[in-house]
Protein backbone atom coordinates (compact mmCIF):
# COMPACT_ATOMS: atom_id res chain seq x y z
CA UNK A 1 0.00 0.00 0.00
CA UNK A 2 1.08 3.56 -0.66
CA UNK A 3 -0.34 6.85 0.56
CA UNK A 4 -0.49 9.41 -2.25
CA UNK A 5 -0.82 13.12 -1.45
CA UNK A 6 -2.05 15.42 -4.20
CA UNK A 7 -1.22 19.10 -4.58
CA UNK A 8 -4.81 20.07 -3.69
CA UNK A 9 -4.43 18.37 -0.31
CA UNK A 10 -6.40 15.24 -1.16
CA UNK A 11 -4.82 12.02 0.09
CA UNK A 12 -5.57 8.42 -0.92
CA UNK A 13 -4.19 5.00 -0.16
CA UNK A 14 -3.67 2.66 -3.12
CA UNK A 15 -2.48 -0.92 -3.35
CA UNK A 16 0.76 -1.40 -5.26
CA UNK A 17 1.38 -2.02 -8.06
CA UNK A 18 -0.56 1.02 -9.24
CA UNK A 19 -0.19 3.82 -11.74
CA UNK A 20 -0.57 7.57 -11.40
CA UNK A 21 -3.96 7.17 -13.09
CA UNK A 22 -5.07 4.59 -10.51
CA UNK A 23 -4.25 7.02 -7.69
CA UNK A 24 -5.96 9.95 -9.43
CA UNK A 25 -9.05 7.82 -10.04
CA UNK A 26 -9.16 6.75 -6.38
CA UNK A 27 -9.00 10.44 -5.41
CA UNK A 28 -11.72 11.28 -7.96
CA UNK A 29 -9.30 13.60 -9.74
CA UNK A 30 -9.29 11.89 -13.12
CA UNK A 31 -10.70 13.76 -16.09
CA UNK A 32 -10.00 14.21 -19.78
CA UNK A 33 -8.22 17.47 -18.91
CA UNK A 34 -5.47 15.64 -17.00
CA UNK A 35 -2.75 14.28 -19.29
CA UNK A 36 0.32 14.11 -17.02
CA UNK A 37 1.45 14.33 -13.42
CA UNK A 38 4.43 15.73 -11.57
CA UNK A 39 6.32 13.49 -9.16
CA UNK A 40 9.01 15.49 -7.42
CA UNK A 41 10.62 17.49 -10.24
CA UNK A 42 9.68 15.00 -12.97
CA UNK A 43 6.68 15.20 -15.29
CA UNK A 44 5.33 11.69 -15.95
CA UNK A 45 2.53 10.09 -17.92
CA UNK A 46 -0.60 8.84 -16.19
CA UNK A 47 0.58 5.32 -16.99
CA UNK A 48 3.72 5.82 -14.88
CA UNK A 49 3.99 3.08 -12.26
CA UNK A 50 4.13 4.11 -8.61
CA UNK A 51 6.71 2.43 -6.43
CA UNK A 52 6.87 2.05 -2.68
CA UNK A 53 9.92 4.33 -2.42
PDB file of N, CA and C in Angstrom:
ATOM      1  N   UNK A   1       0.846  -1.186   0.000  1.00  0.00           N
ATOM      2  CA  UNK A   1       0.000   0.000   0.000  1.00  0.00           C
ATOM      3  C   UNK A   1       0.887   1.244   0.000  1.00  0.00           C
ATOM      4  N   UNK A   2       0.384   2.283  -0.622  1.00  0.00           N
ATOM      5  CA  UNK A   2       1.083   3.560  -0.655  1.00  0.00           C
ATOM      6  C   UNK A   2       0.078   4.674  -0.403  1.00  0.00           C
ATOM      7  N   UNK A   3       0.494   5.670   0.334  1.00  0.00           N
ATOM      8  CA  UNK A   3      -0.339   6.853   0.555  1.00  0.00           C
ATOM      9  C   UNK A   3       0.136   7.927  -0.415  1.00  0.00           C
ATOM     10  N   UNK A   4      -0.791   8.412  -1.231  1.00  0.00           N
ATOM     11  CA  UNK A   4      -0.487   9.411  -2.248  1.00  0.00           C
ATOM     12  C   UNK A   4      -1.128  10.728  -1.833  1.00  0.00           C
ATOM     13  N   UNK A   5      -0.318  11.786  -1.792  1.00  0.00           N
ATOM     14  CA  UNK A   5      -0.816  13.123  -1.453  1.00  0.00           C
ATOM     15  C   UNK A   5      -0.790  13.982  -2.706  1.00  0.00           C
ATOM     16  N   UNK A   6      -1.935  14.572  -3.026  1.00  0.00           N
ATOM     17  CA  UNK A   6      -2.049  15.424  -4.200  1.00  0.00           C
ATOM     18  C   UNK A   6      -1.850  16.877  -3.817  1.00  0.00           C
ATOM     19  N   UNK A   7      -1.512  17.685  -4.805  1.00  0.00           N
ATOM     20  CA  UNK A   7      -1.222  19.102  -4.577  1.00  0.00           C
ATOM     21  C   UNK A   7      -2.406  19.838  -3.955  1.00  0.00           C
ATOM     22  N   UNK A   8      -3.623  19.393  -4.234  1.00  0.00           N
ATOM     23  CA  UNK A   8      -4.807  20.072  -3.695  1.00  0.00           C
ATOM     24  C   UNK A   8      -5.104  19.655  -2.256  1.00  0.00           C
ATOM     25  N   UNK A   9      -4.252  18.792  -1.683  1.00  0.00           N
ATOM     26  CA  UNK A   9      -4.430  18.370  -0.307  1.00  0.00           C
ATOM     27  C   UNK A   9      -5.122  17.032  -0.147  1.00  0.00           C
ATOM     28  N   UNK A  10      -5.716  16.526  -1.213  1.00  0.00           N
ATOM     29  CA  UNK A  10      -6.400  15.237  -1.163  1.00  0.00           C
ATOM     30  C   UNK A  10      -5.362  14.129  -0.982  1.00  0.00           C
ATOM     31  N   UNK A  11      -5.725  13.117  -0.199  1.00  0.00           N
ATOM     32  CA  UNK A  11      -4.821  12.018   0.094  1.00  0.00           C
ATOM     33  C   UNK A  11      -5.578  10.699  -0.061  1.00  0.00           C
ATOM     34  N   UNK A  12      -4.959   9.736  -0.746  1.00  0.00           N
ATOM     35  CA  UNK A  12      -5.573   8.420  -0.922  1.00  0.00           C
ATOM     36  C   UNK A  12      -4.544   7.336  -0.658  1.00  0.00           C
ATOM     37  N   UNK A  13      -5.046   6.163  -0.336  1.00  0.00           N
ATOM     38  CA  UNK A  13      -4.188   4.998  -0.163  1.00  0.00           C
ATOM     39  C   UNK A  13      -4.509   4.022  -1.290  1.00  0.00           C
ATOM     40  N   UNK A  14      -3.480   3.597  -2.012  1.00  0.00           N
ATOM     41  CA  UNK A  14      -3.670   2.662  -3.124  1.00  0.00           C
ATOM     42  C   UNK A  14      -2.778   1.443  -2.921  1.00  0.00           C
ATOM     43  N   UNK A  15      -3.269   0.310  -3.400  1.00  0.00           N
ATOM     44  CA  UNK A  15      -2.482  -0.918  -3.353  1.00  0.00           C
ATOM     45  C   UNK A  15      -1.479  -0.909  -4.500  1.00  0.00           C
ATOM     46  N   UNK A  16      -0.259  -1.290  -4.223  1.00  0.00           N
ATOM     47  CA  UNK A  16       0.758  -1.405  -5.259  1.00  0.00           C
ATOM     48  C   UNK A  16       0.748  -2.817  -5.817  1.00  0.00           C
ATOM     49  N   UNK A  17       0.990  -3.035  -7.092  1.00  0.00           N
ATOM     50  CA  UNK A  17       1.380  -2.019  -8.061  1.00  0.00           C
ATOM     51  C   UNK A  17       0.194  -1.176  -8.512  1.00  0.00           C
ATOM     52  N   UNK A  18       0.462   0.079  -8.771  1.00  0.00           N
ATOM     53  CA  UNK A  18      -0.561   1.020  -9.236  1.00  0.00           C
ATOM     54  C   UNK A  18       0.115   2.052 -10.125  1.00  0.00           C
ATOM     55  N   UNK A  19      -0.704   2.752 -10.885  1.00  0.00           N
ATOM     56  CA  UNK A  19      -0.187   3.825 -11.738  1.00  0.00           C
ATOM     57  C   UNK A  19      -0.661   5.167 -11.199  1.00  0.00           C
ATOM     58  N   UNK A  20      -0.126   6.222 -11.759  1.00  0.00           N
ATOM     59  CA  UNK A  20      -0.568   7.570 -11.401  1.00  0.00           C
ATOM     60  C   UNK A  20      -2.063   7.689 -11.656  1.00  0.00           C
ATOM     61  N   UNK A  21      -2.523   7.123 -12.766  1.00  0.00           N
ATOM     62  CA  UNK A  21      -3.957   7.167 -13.093  1.00  0.00           C
ATOM     63  C   UNK A  21      -4.790   6.473 -12.019  1.00  0.00           C
ATOM     64  N   UNK A  22      -4.336   5.322 -11.551  1.00  0.00           N
ATOM     65  CA  UNK A  22      -5.067   4.591 -10.509  1.00  0.00           C
ATOM     66  C   UNK A  22      -5.239   5.458  -9.263  1.00  0.00           C
ATOM     67  N   UNK A  23      -4.183   6.156  -8.870  1.00  0.00           N
ATOM     68  CA  UNK A  23      -4.249   7.018  -7.688  1.00  0.00           C
ATOM     69  C   UNK A  23      -5.178   8.206  -7.929  1.00  0.00           C
ATOM     70  N   UNK A  24      -5.091   8.815  -9.106  1.00  0.00           N
ATOM     71  CA  UNK A  24      -5.963   9.951  -9.426  1.00  0.00           C
ATOM     72  C   UNK A  24      -7.424   9.518  -9.458  1.00  0.00           C
ATOM     73  N   UNK A  25      -7.686   8.336  -9.990  1.00  0.00           N
ATOM     74  CA  UNK A  25      -9.054   7.823 -10.040  1.00  0.00           C
ATOM     75  C   UNK A  25      -9.579   7.572  -8.629  1.00  0.00           C
ATOM     76  N   UNK A  26      -8.751   7.004  -7.766  1.00  0.00           N
ATOM     77  CA  UNK A  26      -9.158   6.747  -6.378  1.00  0.00           C
ATOM     78  C   UNK A  26      -9.469   8.054  -5.647  1.00  0.00           C
ATOM     79  N   UNK A  27      -8.777   9.135  -6.025  1.00  0.00           N
ATOM     80  CA  UNK A  27      -9.000  10.441  -5.407  1.00  0.00           C
ATOM     81  C   UNK A  27     -10.080  11.238  -6.122  1.00  0.00           C
ATOM     82  N   UNK A  28     -10.697  10.626  -7.135  1.00  0.00           N
ATOM     83  CA  UNK A  28     -11.725  11.281  -7.956  1.00  0.00           C
ATOM     84  C   UNK A  28     -11.183  12.545  -8.622  1.00  0.00           C
ATOM     85  N   UNK A  29      -9.936  12.465  -9.074  1.00  0.00           N
ATOM     86  CA  UNK A  29      -9.296  13.600  -9.740  1.00  0.00           C
ATOM     87  C   UNK A  29      -9.024  13.322 -11.214  1.00  0.00           C
ATOM     88  N   UNK A  30      -9.531  12.213 -11.722  1.00  0.00           N
ATOM     89  CA  UNK A  30      -9.295  11.892 -13.125  1.00  0.00           C
ATOM     90  C   UNK A  30     -10.325  12.594 -14.012  1.00  0.00           C
ATOM     91  N   UNK A  31      -9.825  13.137 -15.098  1.00  0.00           N
ATOM     92  CA  UNK A  31     -10.695  13.760 -16.095  1.00  0.00           C
ATOM     93  C   UNK A  31      -9.950  13.797 -17.418  1.00  0.00           C
ATOM     94  N   UNK A  32     -10.636  14.125 -18.464  1.00  0.00           N
ATOM     95  CA  UNK A  32      -9.998  14.212 -19.777  1.00  0.00           C
ATOM     96  C   UNK A  32      -9.037  15.399 -19.861  1.00  0.00           C
ATOM     97  N   UNK A  33      -9.111  16.312 -18.910  1.00  0.00           N
ATOM     98  CA  UNK A  33      -8.219  17.471 -18.905  1.00  0.00           C
ATOM     99  C   UNK A  33      -6.842  17.135 -18.326  1.00  0.00           C
ATOM    100  N   UNK A  34      -6.729  16.029 -17.628  1.00  0.00           N
ATOM    101  CA  UNK A  34      -5.465  15.640 -17.000  1.00  0.00           C
ATOM    102  C   UNK A  34      -4.722  14.707 -17.942  1.00  0.00           C
ATOM    103  N   UNK A  35      -3.514  15.093 -18.350  1.00  0.00           N
ATOM    104  CA  UNK A  35      -2.747  14.278 -19.286  1.00  0.00           C
ATOM    105  C   UNK A  35      -1.392  13.857 -18.736  1.00  0.00           C
ATOM    106  N   UNK A  36      -0.979  14.431 -17.603  1.00  0.00           N
ATOM    107  CA  UNK A  36       0.317  14.112 -17.019  1.00  0.00           C
ATOM    108  C   UNK A  36       0.274  14.448 -15.534  1.00  0.00           C
ATOM    109  N   UNK A  37       1.327  14.045 -14.846  1.00  0.00           N
ATOM    110  CA  UNK A  37       1.445  14.333 -13.420  1.00  0.00           C
ATOM    111  C   UNK A  37       2.882  14.743 -13.120  1.00  0.00           C
ATOM    112  N   UNK A  38       3.086  15.350 -11.987  1.00  0.00           N
ATOM    113  CA  UNK A  38       4.426  15.732 -11.567  1.00  0.00           C
ATOM    114  C   UNK A  38       4.751  14.972 -10.290  1.00  0.00           C
ATOM    115  N   UNK A  39       5.833  14.212 -10.328  1.00  0.00           N
ATOM    116  CA  UNK A  39       6.321  13.486  -9.162  1.00  0.00           C
ATOM    117  C   UNK A  39       7.691  14.062  -8.844  1.00  0.00           C
ATOM    118  N   UNK A  40       7.773  14.763  -7.713  1.00  0.00           N
ATOM    119  CA  UNK A  40       9.013  15.485  -7.418  1.00  0.00           C
ATOM    120  C   UNK A  40       9.211  16.556  -8.467  1.00  0.00           C
ATOM    121  N   UNK A  41      10.337  16.520  -9.170  1.00  0.00           N
ATOM    122  CA  UNK A  41      10.615  17.489 -10.236  1.00  0.00           C
ATOM    123  C   UNK A  41      10.367  16.909 -11.624  1.00  0.00           C
ATOM    124  N   UNK A  42       9.856  15.685 -11.696  1.00  0.00           N
ATOM    125  CA  UNK A  42       9.681  15.001 -12.975  1.00  0.00           C
ATOM    126  C   UNK A  42       8.225  14.993 -13.422  1.00  0.00           C
ATOM    127  N   UNK A  43       8.005  15.311 -14.694  1.00  0.00           N
ATOM    128  CA  UNK A  43       6.677  15.202 -15.292  1.00  0.00           C
ATOM    129  C   UNK A  43       6.574  13.800 -15.871  1.00  0.00           C
ATOM    130  N   UNK A  44       5.500  13.086 -15.510  1.00  0.00           N
ATOM    131  CA  UNK A  44       5.332  11.695 -15.946  1.00  0.00           C
ATOM    132  C   UNK A  44       3.945  11.499 -16.539  1.00  0.00           C
ATOM    133  N   UNK A  45       3.818  10.455 -17.344  1.00  0.00           N
ATOM    134  CA  UNK A  45       2.527  10.087 -17.921  1.00  0.00           C
ATOM    135  C   UNK A  45       1.639   9.467 -16.868  1.00  0.00           C
ATOM    136  N   UNK A  46       0.346   9.449 -17.131  1.00  0.00           N
ATOM    137  CA  UNK A  46      -0.597   8.839 -16.188  1.00  0.00           C
ATOM    138  C   UNK A  46      -0.386   7.333 -16.068  1.00  0.00           C
ATOM    139  N   UNK A  47       0.294   6.752 -17.029  1.00  0.00           N
ATOM    140  CA  UNK A  47       0.580   5.321 -16.988  1.00  0.00           C
ATOM    141  C   UNK A  47       1.839   4.999 -16.185  1.00  0.00           C
ATOM    142  N   UNK A  48       2.482   6.014 -15.646  1.00  0.00           N
ATOM    143  CA  UNK A  48       3.723   5.824 -14.878  1.00  0.00           C
ATOM    144  C   UNK A  48       3.442   4.986 -13.637  1.00  0.00           C
ATOM    145  N   UNK A  49       4.220   3.915 -13.427  1.00  0.00           N
ATOM    146  CA  UNK A  49       3.995   3.081 -12.256  1.00  0.00           C
ATOM    147  C   UNK A  49       4.478   3.770 -10.975  1.00  0.00           C
ATOM    148  N   UNK A  50       3.722   3.601  -9.907  1.00  0.00           N
ATOM    149  CA  UNK A  50       4.134   4.108  -8.615  1.00  0.00           C
ATOM    150  C   UNK A  50       4.917   3.013  -7.903  1.00  0.00           C
ATOM    151  N   UNK A  51       5.932   3.415  -7.189  1.00  0.00           N
ATOM    152  CA  UNK A  51       6.708   2.431  -6.425  1.00  0.00           C
ATOM    153  C   UNK A  51       6.553   2.751  -4.952  1.00  0.00           C
ATOM    154  N   UNK A  52       6.986   1.865  -4.120  1.00  0.00           N
ATOM    155  CA  UNK A  52       6.874   2.046  -2.681  1.00  0.00           C
ATOM    156  C   UNK A  52       7.979   2.897  -2.090  1.00  0.00           C
ATOM    157  N   UNK A  53       8.786   3.534  -2.924  1.00  0.00           N
ATOM    158  CA  UNK A  53       9.920   4.331  -2.421  1.00  0.00           C
ATOM    159  C   UNK A  53       9.459   5.631  -1.816  1.00  0.00           C
TER     160      UNK A  53
END
